[in-house]
Amino acid sequence: MTVAATGSLTDGVVVALLETTVLGLDESTTIFFVGMASAVLGTVVSWTAYRGYARNDSRPMLFLSIGVAFLTVVPFVLSHTIARVTDATDATVLLVVTACHLLGLVAIVRSFRRSD
């Protein structure tokens, strides 16, 4: 990890700009790839839980699969889609991601209940 600091004088105020690189990638690229890795791993876990649902007809596994997907995959896809397609603010994107996390947690809590 490399941190470079540059300074400039604007109206008598020194402005410090920090540039961070990890493995030669800038900050936003690093965040994108880490998010993508999380989404891919979440897809694997969610797919495995779904296969458990399909094999055993276990509704809790279905809710677990949906919950993991809404915690990992859906927020990543929606946040990058909304940011690129619309001119939504950061607050709007954060609201969508938080709503996805809430739905995911609700689904996982629902998966704890025994199927009837």
PDB file of N, CA and C in Angstrom:
ATOM      1  N   MET A   1       0.849  -1.168   0.000  1.00  0.00           N
ATOM      2  CA  MET A   1       0.000   0.000   0.000  1.00  0.00           C
ATOM      3  C   MET A   1       0.891   1.226   0.000  1.00  0.00           C
ATOM      4  N   THR A   2       0.601   2.145  -0.913  1.00  0.00           N
ATOM      5  CA  THR A   2       1.373   3.361  -1.041  1.00  0.00           C
ATOM      6  C   THR A   2       0.465   4.557  -0.819  1.00  0.00           C
ATOM      7  N   VAL A   3       0.908   5.501  -0.022  1.00  0.00           N
ATOM      8  CA  VAL A   3       0.155   6.718   0.201  1.00  0.00           C
ATOM      9  C   VAL A   3       1.036   7.881  -0.220  1.00  0.00           C
ATOM     10  N   ALA A   4       0.518   8.703  -1.123  1.00  0.00           N
ATOM     11  CA  ALA A   4       1.256   9.874  -1.591  1.00  0.00           C
ATOM     12  C   ALA A   4       0.464  11.113  -1.219  1.00  0.00           C
ATOM     13  N   ALA A   5       1.136  12.089  -0.674  1.00  0.00           N
ATOM     14  CA  ALA A   5       0.474  13.326  -0.292  1.00  0.00           C
ATOM     15  C   ALA A   5       1.036  14.474  -1.126  1.00  0.00           C
ATOM     16  N   THR A   6       0.131  15.269  -1.647  1.00  0.00           N
ATOM     17  CA  THR A   6       0.534  16.463  -2.384  1.00  0.00           C
ATOM     18  C   THR A   6      -0.181  17.640  -1.764  1.00  0.00           C
ATOM     19  N   GLY A   7       0.424  18.777  -1.800  1.00  0.00           N
ATOM     20  CA  GLY A   7      -0.182  19.958  -1.214  1.00  0.00           C
ATOM     21  C   GLY A   7      -0.224  21.098  -2.197  1.00  0.00           C
ATOM     22  N   SER A   8      -1.217  21.965  -2.051  1.00  0.00           N
ATOM     23  CA  SER A   8      -1.314  23.148  -2.895  1.00  0.00           C
ATOM     24  C   SER A   8      -1.804  24.302  -2.045  1.00  0.00           C
ATOM     25  N   LEU A   9      -1.494  25.497  -2.486  1.00  0.00           N
ATOM     26  CA  LEU A   9      -1.868  26.701  -1.756  1.00  0.00           C
ATOM     27  C   LEU A   9      -3.048  27.342  -2.469  1.00  0.00           C
ATOM     28  N   THR A  10      -4.192  27.376  -1.811  1.00  0.00           N
ATOM     29  CA  THR A  10      -5.391  27.983  -2.374  1.00  0.00           C
ATOM     30  C   THR A  10      -5.889  29.032  -1.403  1.00  0.00           C
ATOM     31  N   ASP A  11      -5.822  30.302  -1.791  1.00  0.00           N
ATOM     32  CA  ASP A  11      -6.273  31.405  -0.953  1.00  0.00           C
ATOM     33  C   ASP A  11      -5.635  31.369   0.432  1.00  0.00           C
ATOM     34  N   GLY A  12      -4.363  31.044   0.493  1.00  0.00           N
ATOM     35  CA  GLY A  12      -3.645  31.027   1.743  1.00  0.00           C
ATOM     36  C   GLY A  12      -3.881  29.777   2.578  1.00  0.00           C
ATOM     37  N   VAL A  13      -4.635  28.807   2.057  1.00  0.00           N
ATOM     38  CA  VAL A  13      -4.932  27.584   2.785  1.00  0.00           C
ATOM     39  C   VAL A  13      -4.248  26.427   2.061  1.00  0.00           C
ATOM     40  N   VAL A  14      -3.537  25.625   2.804  1.00  0.00           N
ATOM     41  CA  VAL A  14      -2.874  24.473   2.217  1.00  0.00           C
ATOM     42  C   VAL A  14      -3.889  23.340   2.125  1.00  0.00           C
ATOM     43  N   VAL A  15      -4.064  22.834   0.929  1.00  0.00           N
ATOM     44  CA  VAL A  15      -4.984  21.736   0.696  1.00  0.00           C
ATOM     45  C   VAL A  15      -4.149  20.489   0.463  1.00  0.00           C
ATOM     46  N   ALA A  16      -4.389  19.464   1.259  1.00  0.00           N
ATOM     47  CA  ALA A  16      -3.639  18.221   1.138  1.00  0.00           C
ATOM     48  C   ALA A  16      -4.508  17.193   0.435  1.00  0.00           C
ATOM     49  N   LEU A  17      -3.996  16.624  -0.632  1.00  0.00           N
ATOM     50  CA  LEU A  17      -4.693  15.581  -1.364  1.00  0.00           C
ATOM     51  C   LEU A  17      -3.966  14.274  -1.130  1.00  0.00           C
ATOM     52  N   LEU A  18      -4.681  13.282  -0.661  1.00  0.00           N
ATOM     53  CA  LEU A  18      -4.085  11.980  -0.425  1.00  0.00           C
ATOM     54  C   LEU A  18      -4.462  11.041  -1.552  1.00  0.00           C
ATOM     55  N   GLU A  19      -3.482  10.389  -2.100  1.00  0.00           N
ATOM     56  CA  GLU A  19      -3.720   9.386  -3.123  1.00  0.00           C
ATOM     57  C   GLU A  19      -3.231   8.054  -2.574  1.00  0.00           C
ATOM     58  N   THR A  20      -4.093   7.072  -2.597  1.00  0.00           N
ATOM     59  CA  THR A  20      -3.770   5.757  -2.060  1.00  0.00           C
ATOM     60  C   THR A  20      -3.760   4.750  -3.187  1.00  0.00           C
ATOM     61  N   THR A  21      -2.742   3.905  -3.198  1.00  0.00           N
ATOM     62  CA  THR A  21      -2.714   2.814  -4.172  1.00  0.00           C
ATOM     63  C   THR A  21      -2.451   1.512  -3.438  1.00  0.00           C
ATOM     64  N   VAL A  22      -3.109   0.471  -3.892  1.00  0.00           N
ATOM     65  CA  VAL A  22      -2.910  -0.869  -3.358  1.00  0.00           C
ATOM     66  C   VAL A  22      -2.596  -1.762  -4.544  1.00  0.00           C
ATOM     67  N   LEU A  23      -1.450  -2.412  -4.505  1.00  0.00           N
ATOM     68  CA  LEU A  23      -1.007  -3.275  -5.599  1.00  0.00           C
ATOM     69  C   LEU A  23      -1.015  -2.542  -6.935  1.00  0.00           C
ATOM     70  N   GLY A  24      -0.713  -1.273  -6.901  1.00  0.00           N
ATOM     71  CA  GLY A  24      -0.648  -0.483  -8.124  1.00  0.00           C
ATOM     72  C   GLY A  24      -1.990   0.004  -8.628  1.00  0.00           C
ATOM     73  N   LEU A  25      -3.075  -0.268  -7.909  1.00  0.00           N
ATOM     74  CA  LEU A  25      -4.411   0.170  -8.323  1.00  0.00           C
ATOM     75  C   LEU A  25      -4.843   1.356  -7.483  1.00  0.00           C
ATOM     76  N   ASP A  26      -5.593   2.259  -8.092  1.00  0.00           N
ATOM     77  CA  ASP A  26      -6.080   3.398  -7.317  1.00  0.00           C
ATOM     78  C   ASP A  26      -7.205   2.942  -6.379  1.00  0.00           C
ATOM     79  N   GLU A  27      -7.630   3.850  -5.515  1.00  0.00           N
ATOM     80  CA  GLU A  27      -8.578   3.527  -4.459  1.00  0.00           C
ATOM     81  C   GLU A  27      -9.911   3.002  -4.998  1.00  0.00           C
ATOM     82  N   SER A  28     -10.497   3.674  -5.984  1.00  0.00           N
ATOM     83  CA  SER A  28     -11.813   3.266  -6.478  1.00  0.00           C
ATOM     84  C   SER A  28     -11.752   1.915  -7.185  1.00  0.00           C
ATOM     85  N   THR A  29     -10.669   1.636  -7.888  1.00  0.00           N
ATOM     86  CA  THR A  29     -10.520   0.342  -8.546  1.00  0.00           C
ATOM     87  C   THR A  29     -10.372  -0.766  -7.515  1.00  0.00           C
ATOM     88  N   THR A  30      -9.616  -0.505  -6.474  1.00  0.00           N
ATOM     89  CA  THR A  30      -9.448  -1.485  -5.402  1.00  0.00           C
ATOM     90  C   THR A  30     -10.782  -1.786  -4.730  1.00  0.00           C
ATOM     91  N   ILE A  31     -11.562  -0.748  -4.441  1.00  0.00           N
ATOM     92  CA  ILE A  31     -12.871  -0.930  -3.816  1.00  0.00           C
ATOM     93  C   ILE A  31     -13.779  -1.744  -4.728  1.00  0.00           C
ATOM     94  N   PHE A  32     -13.744  -1.470  -6.032  1.00  0.00           N
ATOM     95  CA  PHE A  32     -14.565  -2.219  -6.983  1.00  0.00           C
ATOM     96  C   PHE A  32     -14.205  -3.697  -6.972  1.00  0.00           C
ATOM     97  N   PHE A  33     -12.916  -4.018  -7.035  1.00  0.00           N
ATOM     98  CA  PHE A  33     -12.504  -5.419  -7.097  1.00  0.00           C
ATOM     99  C   PHE A  33     -12.763  -6.163  -5.785  1.00  0.00           C
ATOM    100  N   VAL A  34     -12.601  -5.496  -4.661  1.00  0.00           N
ATOM    101  CA  VAL A  34     -12.918  -6.132  -3.374  1.00  0.00           C
ATOM    102  C   VAL A  34     -14.421  -6.385  -3.282  1.00  0.00           C
ATOM    103  N   GLY A  35     -15.222  -5.419  -3.731  1.00  0.00           N
ATOM    104  CA  GLY A  35     -16.673  -5.609  -3.762  1.00  0.00           C
ATOM    105  C   GLY A  35     -17.076  -6.734  -4.692  1.00  0.00           C
ATOM    106  N   MET A  36     -16.412  -6.827  -5.836  1.00  0.00           N
ATOM    107  CA  MET A  36     -16.712  -7.897  -6.774  1.00  0.00           C
ATOM    108  C   MET A  36     -16.348  -9.260  -6.183  1.00  0.00           C
ATOM    109  N   ALA A  37     -15.223  -9.333  -5.490  1.00  0.00           N
ATOM    110  CA  ALA A  37     -14.832 -10.591  -4.849  1.00  0.00           C
ATOM    111  C   ALA A  37     -15.876 -11.001  -3.815  1.00  0.00           C
ATOM    112  N   SER A  38     -16.379 -10.039  -3.056  1.00  0.00           N
ATOM    113  CA  SER A  38     -17.425 -10.314  -2.075  1.00  0.00           C
ATOM    114  C   SER A  38     -18.700 -10.793  -2.761  1.00  0.00           C
ATOM    115  N   ALA A  39     -19.061 -10.173  -3.873  1.00  0.00           N
ATOM    116  CA  ALA A  39     -20.266 -10.569  -4.603  1.00  0.00           C
ATOM    117  C   ALA A  39     -20.116 -11.967  -5.197  1.00  0.00           C
ATOM    118  N   VAL A  40     -18.942 -12.292  -5.710  1.00  0.00           N
ATOM    119  CA  VAL A  40     -18.714 -13.627  -6.280  1.00  0.00           C
ATOM    120  C   VAL A  40     -18.786 -14.688  -5.182  1.00  0.00           C
ATOM    121  N   LEU A  41     -18.129 -14.429  -4.052  1.00  0.00           N
ATOM    122  CA  LEU A  41     -18.193 -15.375  -2.935  1.00  0.00           C
ATOM    123  C   LEU A  41     -19.623 -15.506  -2.414  1.00  0.00           C
ATOM    124  N   GLY A  42     -20.339 -14.400  -2.343  1.00  0.00           N
ATOM    125  CA  GLY A  42     -21.738 -14.437  -1.930  1.00  0.00           C
ATOM    126  C   GLY A  42     -22.599 -15.237  -2.889  1.00  0.00           C
ATOM    127  N   THR A  43     -22.290 -15.155  -4.182  1.00  0.00           N
ATOM    128  CA  THR A  43     -23.011 -15.948  -5.177  1.00  0.00           C
ATOM    129  C   THR A  43     -22.786 -17.432  -4.947  1.00  0.00           C
ATOM    130  N   VAL A  44     -21.547 -17.806  -4.651  1.00  0.00           N
ATOM    131  CA  VAL A  44     -21.229 -19.213  -4.397  1.00  0.00           C
ATOM    132  C   VAL A  44     -21.987 -19.715  -3.163  1.00  0.00           C
ATOM    133  N   VAL A  45     -21.977 -18.934  -2.088  1.00  0.00           N
ATOM    134  CA  VAL A  45     -22.665 -19.341  -0.854  1.00  0.00           C
ATOM    135  C   VAL A  45     -24.174 -19.403  -1.085  1.00  0.00           C
ATOM    136  N   SER A  46     -24.700 -18.393  -1.763  1.00  0.00           N
ATOM    137  CA  SER A  46     -26.129 -18.354  -2.032  1.00  0.00           C
ATOM    138  C   SER A  46     -26.559 -19.511  -2.928  1.00  0.00           C
ATOM    139  N   TRP A  47     -25.771 -19.805  -3.952  1.00  0.00           N
ATOM    140  CA  TRP A  47     -26.086 -20.910  -4.845  1.00  0.00           C
ATOM    141  C   TRP A  47     -26.030 -22.251  -4.100  1.00  0.00           C
ATOM    142  N   THR A  48     -25.069 -22.403  -3.214  1.00  0.00           N
ATOM    143  CA  THR A  48     -24.961 -23.628  -2.427  1.00  0.00           C
ATOM    144  C   THR A  48     -26.184 -23.796  -1.525  1.00  0.00           C
ATOM    145  N   ALA A  49     -26.614 -22.712  -0.904  1.00  0.00           N
ATOM    146  CA  ALA A  49     -27.812 -22.775  -0.060  1.00  0.00           C
ATOM    147  C   ALA A  49     -29.044 -23.081  -0.900  1.00  0.00           C
ATOM    148  N   TYR A  50     -29.118 -22.517  -2.096  1.00  0.00           N
ATOM    149  CA  TYR A  50     -30.253 -22.800  -2.979  1.00  0.00           C
ATOM    150  C   TYR A  50     -30.268 -24.275  -3.394  1.00  0.00           C
ATOM    151  N   ARG A  51     -29.103 -24.823  -3.675  1.00  0.00           N
ATOM    152  CA  ARG A  51     -29.036 -26.248  -4.016  1.00  0.00           C
ATOM    153  C   ARG A  51     -29.501 -27.108  -2.853  1.00  0.00           C
ATOM    154  N   GLY A  52     -29.181 -26.685  -1.626  1.00  0.00           N
ATOM    155  CA  GLY A  52     -29.674 -27.388  -0.445  1.00  0.00           C
ATOM    156  C   GLY A  52     -31.189 -27.328  -0.354  1.00  0.00           C
ATOM    157  N   TYR A  53     -31.749 -26.163  -0.706  1.00  0.00           N
ATOM    158  CA  TYR A  53     -33.207 -26.033  -0.735  1.00  0.00           C
ATOM    159  C   TYR A  53     -33.809 -26.966  -1.776  1.00  0.00           C
ATOM    160  N   ALA A  54     -33.236 -26.968  -2.983  1.00  0.00           N
ATOM    161  CA  ALA A  54     -33.789 -27.777  -4.071  1.00  0.00           C
ATOM    162  C   ALA A  54     -33.666 -29.274  -3.773  1.00  0.00           C
ATOM    163  N   ARG A  55     -32.558 -29.673  -3.179  1.00  0.00           N
ATOM    164  CA  ARG A  55     -32.325 -31.090  -2.903  1.00  0.00           C
ATOM    165  C   ARG A  55     -33.225 -31.607  -1.786  1.00  0.00           C
ATOM    166  N   ASN A  56     -33.409 -30.809  -0.743  1.00  0.00           N
ATOM    167  CA  ASN A  56     -34.125 -31.274   0.447  1.00  0.00           C
ATOM    168  C   ASN A  56     -35.492 -30.637   0.630  1.00  0.00           C
ATOM    169  N   ASP A  57     -35.886 -29.757  -0.292  1.00  0.00           N
ATOM    170  CA  ASP A  57     -37.152 -29.028  -0.182  1.00  0.00           C
ATOM    171  C   ASP A  57     -37.243 -28.320   1.175  1.00  0.00           C
ATOM    172  N   SER A  58     -36.156 -27.664   1.550  1.00  0.00           N
ATOM    173  CA  SER A  58     -36.045 -27.008   2.856  1.00  0.00           C
ATOM    174  C   SER A  58     -36.234 -25.501   2.686  1.00  0.00           C
ATOM    175  N   ARG A  59     -37.390 -24.992   3.126  1.00  0.00           N
ATOM    176  CA  ARG A  59     -37.660 -23.550   2.993  1.00  0.00           C
ATOM    177  C   ARG A  59     -36.644 -22.689   3.743  1.00  0.00           C
ATOM    178  N   PRO A  60     -36.160 -23.103   4.928  1.00  0.00           N
ATOM    179  CA  PRO A  60     -35.136 -22.285   5.575  1.00  0.00           C
ATOM    180  C   PRO A  60     -33.896 -22.078   4.698  1.00  0.00           C
ATOM    181  N   MET A  61     -33.518 -23.095   3.938  1.00  0.00           N
ATOM    182  CA  MET A  61     -32.365 -22.941   3.045  1.00  0.00           C
ATOM    183  C   MET A  61     -32.669 -21.951   1.920  1.00  0.00           C
ATOM    184  N   LEU A  62     -33.922 -21.915   1.469  1.00  0.00           N
ATOM    185  CA  LEU A  62     -34.317 -20.933   0.453  1.00  0.00           C
ATOM    186  C   LEU A  62     -34.183 -19.521   1.005  1.00  0.00           C
ATOM    187  N   PHE A  63     -34.673 -19.311   2.225  1.00  0.00           N
ATOM    188  CA  PHE A  63     -34.565 -17.982   2.823  1.00  0.00           C
ATOM    189  C   PHE A  63     -33.110 -17.614   3.118  1.00  0.00           C
ATOM    190  N   LEU A  64     -32.316 -18.580   3.503  1.00  0.00           N
ATOM    191  CA  LEU A  64     -30.887 -18.322   3.707  1.00  0.00           C
ATOM    192  C   LEU A  64     -30.229 -17.910   2.393  1.00  0.00           C
ATOM    193  N   SER A  65     -30.566 -18.588   1.325  1.00  0.00           N
ATOM    194  CA  SER A  65     -30.026 -18.262   0.006  1.00  0.00           C
ATOM    195  C   SER A  65     -30.406 -16.843  -0.406  1.00  0.00           C
ATOM    196  N   ILE A  66     -31.666 -16.500  -0.227  1.00  0.00           N
ATOM    197  CA  ILE A  66     -32.132 -15.147  -0.570  1.00  0.00           C
ATOM    198  C   ILE A  66     -31.436 -14.112   0.304  1.00  0.00           C
ATOM    199  N   GLY A  67     -31.309 -14.411   1.598  1.00  0.00           N
ATOM    200  CA  GLY A  67     -30.670 -13.470   2.518  1.00  0.00           C
ATOM    201  C   GLY A  67     -29.217 -13.199   2.168  1.00  0.00           C
ATOM    202  N   VAL A  68     -28.470 -14.247   1.870  1.00  0.00           N
ATOM    203  CA  VAL A  68     -27.056 -14.068   1.513  1.00  0.00           C
ATOM    204  C   VAL A  68     -26.939 -13.284   0.204  1.00  0.00           C
ATOM    205  N   ALA A  69     -27.820 -13.567  -0.742  1.00  0.00           N
ATOM    206  CA  ALA A  69     -27.798 -12.833  -2.008  1.00  0.00           C
ATOM    207  C   ALA A  69     -28.076 -11.348  -1.778  1.00  0.00           C
ATOM    208  N   PHE A  70     -29.044 -11.035  -0.916  1.00  0.00           N
ATOM    209  CA  PHE A  70     -29.367  -9.636  -0.654  1.00  0.00           C
ATOM    210  C   PHE A  70     -28.319  -8.933   0.213  1.00  0.00           C
ATOM    211  N   LEU A  71     -27.487  -9.686   0.896  1.00  0.00           N
ATOM    212  CA  LEU A  71     -26.404  -9.072   1.665  1.00  0.00           C
ATOM    213  C   LEU A  71     -25.153  -8.833   0.830  1.00  0.00           C
ATOM    214  N   THR A  72     -24.937  -9.635  -0.195  1.00  0.00           N
ATOM    215  CA  THR A  72     -23.672  -9.560  -0.916  1.00  0.00           C
ATOM    216  C   THR A  72     -23.824  -9.178  -2.380  1.00  0.00           C
ATOM    217  N   VAL A  73     -24.631  -9.900  -3.127  1.00  0.00           N
ATOM    218  CA  VAL A  73     -24.685  -9.737  -4.577  1.00  0.00           C
ATOM    219  C   VAL A  73     -25.535  -8.545  -4.993  1.00  0.00           C
ATOM    220  N   VAL A  74     -26.756  -8.487  -4.505  1.00  0.00           N
ATOM    221  CA  VAL A  74     -27.701  -7.459  -4.939  1.00  0.00           C
ATOM    222  C   VAL A  74     -27.205  -6.038  -4.649  1.00  0.00           C
ATOM    223  N   PRO A  75     -26.683  -5.739  -3.455  1.00  0.00           N
ATOM    224  CA  PRO A  75     -26.194  -4.379  -3.218  1.00  0.00           C
ATOM    225  C   PRO A  75     -25.061  -3.980  -4.158  1.00  0.00           C
ATOM    226  N   PHE A  76     -24.147  -4.909  -4.437  1.00  0.00           N
ATOM    227  CA  PHE A  76     -23.029  -4.604  -5.334  1.00  0.00           C
ATOM    228  C   PHE A  76     -23.543  -4.271  -6.733  1.00  0.00           C
ATOM    229  N   VAL A  77     -24.422  -5.111  -7.242  1.00  0.00           N
ATOM    230  CA  VAL A  77     -24.949  -4.897  -8.599  1.00  0.00           C
ATOM    231  C   VAL A  77     -25.764  -3.607  -8.661  1.00  0.00           C
ATOM    232  N   LEU A  78     -26.667  -3.414  -7.704  1.00  0.00           N
ATOM    233  CA  LEU A  78     -27.510  -2.219  -7.736  1.00  0.00           C
ATOM    234  C   LEU A  78     -26.716  -0.933  -7.543  1.00  0.00           C
ATOM    235  N   SER A  79     -25.760  -0.947  -6.633  1.00  0.00           N
ATOM    236  CA  SER A  79     -25.011   0.289  -6.383  1.00  0.00           C
ATOM    237  C   SER A  79     -24.222   0.713  -7.615  1.00  0.00           C
ATOM    238  N   HIS A  80     -23.606  -0.234  -8.291  1.00  0.00           N
ATOM    239  CA  HIS A  80     -22.833   0.135  -9.481  1.00  0.00           C
ATOM    240  C   HIS A  80     -23.738   0.446 -10.664  1.00  0.00           C
ATOM    241  N   THR A  81     -24.877  -0.210 -10.771  1.00  0.00           N
ATOM    242  CA  THR A  81     -25.819   0.089 -11.846  1.00  0.00           C
ATOM    243  C   THR A  81     -26.439   1.466 -11.652  1.00  0.00           C
ATOM    244  N   ILE A  82     -26.902   1.746 -10.445  1.00  0.00           N
ATOM    245  CA  ILE A  82     -27.526   3.042 -10.172  1.00  0.00           C
ATOM    246  C   ILE A  82     -26.520   4.167 -10.372  1.00  0.00           C
ATOM    247  N   ALA A  83     -25.296   3.971  -9.903  1.00  0.00           N
ATOM    248  CA  ALA A  83     -24.278   5.020 -10.014  1.00  0.00           C
ATOM    249  C   ALA A  83     -23.923   5.305 -11.474  1.00  0.00           C
ATOM    250  N   ARG A  84     -23.957   4.289 -12.329  1.00  0.00           N
ATOM    251  CA  ARG A  84     -23.564   4.492 -13.720  1.00  0.00           C
ATOM    252  C   ARG A  84     -24.716   4.912 -14.620  1.00  0.00           C
ATOM    253  N   VAL A  85     -25.920   4.416 -14.357  1.00  0.00           N
ATOM    254  CA  VAL A  85     -27.050   4.659 -15.247  1.00  0.00           C
ATOM    255  C   VAL A  85     -27.783   5.957 -14.914  1.00  0.00           C
ATOM    256  N   THR A  86     -27.900   6.266 -13.635  1.00  0.00           N
ATOM    257  CA  THR A  86     -28.634   7.461 -13.233  1.00  0.00           C
ATOM    258  C   THR A  86     -27.677   8.488 -12.642  1.00  0.00           C
ATOM    259  N   ASP A  87     -28.205   9.652 -12.376  1.00  0.00           N
ATOM    260  CA  ASP A  87     -27.402  10.680 -11.710  1.00  0.00           C
ATOM    261  C   ASP A  87     -27.800  10.775 -10.232  1.00  0.00           C
ATOM    262  N   ALA A  88     -28.008   9.607  -9.624  1.00  0.00           N
ATOM    263  CA  ALA A  88     -28.408   9.543  -8.218  1.00  0.00           C
ATOM    264  C   ALA A  88     -27.274  10.012  -7.316  1.00  0.00           C
ATOM    265  N   THR A  89     -27.653  10.561  -6.196  1.00  0.00           N
ATOM    266  CA  THR A  89     -26.668  11.020  -5.224  1.00  0.00           C
ATOM    267  C   THR A  89     -26.104   9.828  -4.458  1.00  0.00           C
ATOM    268  N   ASP A  90     -25.023  10.069  -3.756  1.00  0.00           N
ATOM    269  CA  ASP A  90     -24.444   9.022  -2.915  1.00  0.00           C
ATOM    270  C   ASP A  90     -25.432   8.578  -1.836  1.00  0.00           C
ATOM    271  N   ALA A  91     -26.223   9.518  -1.336  1.00  0.00           N
ATOM    272  CA  ALA A  91     -27.208   9.187  -0.308  1.00  0.00           C
ATOM    273  C   ALA A  91     -28.260   8.214  -0.847  1.00  0.00           C
ATOM    274  N   THR A  92     -28.672   8.389  -2.099  1.00  0.00           N
ATOM    275  CA  THR A  92     -29.649   7.489  -2.702  1.00  0.00           C
ATOM    276  C   THR A  92     -29.072   6.092  -2.858  1.00  0.00           C
ATOM    277  N   VAL A  93     -27.852   6.022  -3.332  1.00  0.00           N
ATOM    278  CA  VAL A  93     -27.194   4.723  -3.491  1.00  0.00           C
ATOM    279  C   VAL A  93     -27.036   4.047  -2.135  1.00  0.00           C
ATOM    280  N   LEU A  94     -26.646   4.806  -1.129  1.00  0.00           N
ATOM    281  CA  LEU A  94     -26.495   4.252   0.220  1.00  0.00           C
ATOM    282  C   LEU A  94     -27.830   3.767   0.769  1.00  0.00           C
ATOM    283  N   LEU A  95     -28.918   4.480   0.486  1.00  0.00           N
ATOM    284  CA  LEU A  95     -30.242   4.049   0.914  1.00  0.00           C
ATOM    285  C   LEU A  95     -30.619   2.718   0.268  1.00  0.00           C
ATOM    286  N   VAL A  96     -30.347   2.562  -1.013  1.00  0.00           N
ATOM    287  CA  VAL A  96     -30.656   1.310  -1.714  1.00  0.00           C
ATOM    288  C   VAL A  96     -29.838   0.160  -1.131  1.00  0.00           C
ATOM    289  N   VAL A  97     -28.558   0.389  -0.901  1.00  0.00           N
ATOM    290  CA  VAL A  97     -27.694  -0.653  -0.339  1.00  0.00           C
ATOM    291  C   VAL A  97     -28.152  -1.034   1.065  1.00  0.00           C
ATOM    292  N   THR A  98     -28.496  -0.057   1.876  1.00  0.00           N
ATOM    293  CA  THR A  98     -28.963  -0.328   3.237  1.00  0.00           C
ATOM    294  C   THR A  98     -30.288  -1.095   3.223  1.00  0.00           C
ATOM    295  N   ALA A  99     -31.181  -0.753   2.305  1.00  0.00           N
ATOM    296  CA  ALA A  99     -32.453  -1.482   2.180  1.00  0.00           C
ATOM    297  C   ALA A  99     -32.195  -2.935   1.781  1.00  0.00           C
ATOM    298  N   CYS A 100     -31.243  -3.160   0.893  1.00  0.00           N
ATOM    299  CA  CYS A 100     -30.885  -4.531   0.511  1.00  0.00           C
ATOM    300  C   CYS A 100     -30.334  -5.301   1.701  1.00  0.00           C
ATOM    301  N   HIS A 101     -29.477  -4.672   2.484  1.00  0.00           N
ATOM    302  CA  HIS A 101     -28.926  -5.323   3.669  1.00  0.00           C
ATOM    303  C   HIS A 101     -30.042  -5.675   4.656  1.00  0.00           C
ATOM    304  N   LEU A 102     -30.990  -4.762   4.837  1.00  0.00           N
ATOM    305  CA  LEU A 102     -32.109  -5.016   5.745  1.00  0.00           C
ATOM    306  C   LEU A 102     -32.946  -6.196   5.259  1.00  0.00           C
ATOM    307  N   LEU A 103     -33.266  -6.233   3.969  1.00  0.00           N
ATOM    308  CA  LEU A 103     -34.029  -7.354   3.421  1.00  0.00           C
ATOM    309  C   LEU A 103     -33.263  -8.665   3.574  1.00  0.00           C
ATOM    310  N   GLY A 104     -31.965  -8.630   3.358  1.00  0.00           N
ATOM    311  CA  GLY A 104     -31.154  -9.827   3.519  1.00  0.00           C
ATOM    312  C   GLY A 104     -31.161 -10.341   4.937  1.00  0.00           C
ATOM    313  N   LEU A 105     -31.035  -9.443   5.890  1.00  0.00           N
ATOM    314  CA  LEU A 105     -31.049  -9.854   7.298  1.00  0.00           C
ATOM    315  C   LEU A 105     -32.413 -10.390   7.705  1.00  0.00           C
ATOM    316  N   VAL A 106     -33.480  -9.776   7.209  1.00  0.00           N
ATOM    317  CA  VAL A 106     -34.827 -10.270   7.504  1.00  0.00           C
ATOM    318  C   VAL A 106     -34.998 -11.687   6.948  1.00  0.00           C
ATOM    319  N   ALA A 107     -34.513 -11.924   5.738  1.00  0.00           N
ATOM    320  CA  ALA A 107     -34.620 -13.259   5.141  1.00  0.00           C
ATOM    321  C   ALA A 107     -33.818 -14.284   5.942  1.00  0.00           C
ATOM    322  N   ILE A 108     -32.633 -13.893   6.405  1.00  0.00           N
ATOM    323  CA  ILE A 108     -31.821 -14.825   7.192  1.00  0.00           C
ATOM    324  C   ILE A 108     -32.483 -15.120   8.541  1.00  0.00           C
ATOM    325  N   VAL A 109     -33.030 -14.100   9.183  1.00  0.00           N
ATOM    326  CA  VAL A 109     -33.749 -14.330  10.442  1.00  0.00           C
ATOM    327  C   VAL A 109     -34.945 -15.244  10.195  1.00  0.00           C
ATOM    328  N   ARG A 110     -35.621 -15.046   9.072  1.00  0.00           N
ATOM    329  CA  ARG A 110     -36.760 -15.917   8.714  1.00  0.00           C
ATOM    330  C   ARG A 110     -36.286 -17.355   8.509  1.00  0.00           C
ATOM    331  N   SER A 111     -35.077 -17.532   8.036  1.00  0.00           N
ATOM    332  CA  SER A 111     -34.570 -18.890   7.798  1.00  0.00           C
ATOM    333  C   SER A 111     -34.329 -19.652   9.100  1.00  0.00           C
ATOM    334  N   PHE A 112     -34.236 -18.942  10.223  1.00  0.00           N
ATOM    335  CA  PHE A 112     -34.030 -19.602  11.502  1.00  0.00           C
ATOM    336  C   PHE A 112     -35.270 -20.318  12.008  1.00  0.00           C
ATOM    337  N   ARG A 113     -36.428 -19.919  11.492  1.00  0.00           N
ATOM    338  CA  ARG A 113     -37.677 -20.550  11.928  1.00  0.00           C
ATOM    339  C   ARG A 113     -37.820 -21.905  11.266  1.00  0.00           C
ATOM    340  N   ARG A 114     -38.369 -22.827  11.980  1.00  0.00           N
ATOM    341  CA  ARG A 114     -38.578 -24.178  11.433  1.00  0.00           C
ATOM    342  C   ARG A 114     -39.700 -24.130  10.417  1.00  0.00           C
ATOM    343  N   SER A 115     -39.529 -24.893   9.352  1.00  0.00           N
ATOM    344  CA  SER A 115     -40.580 -24.953   8.340  1.00  0.00           C
ATOM    345  C   SER A 115     -41.748 -25.770   8.870  1.00  0.00           C
ATOM    346  N   ASP A 116     -42.940 -25.366   8.483  1.00  0.00           N
ATOM    347  CA  ASP A 116     -44.137 -26.048   8.973  1.00  0.00           C
ATOM    348  C   ASP A 116     -44.666 -27.042   7.964  1.00  0.00           C
TER     349      ASP A 116
END
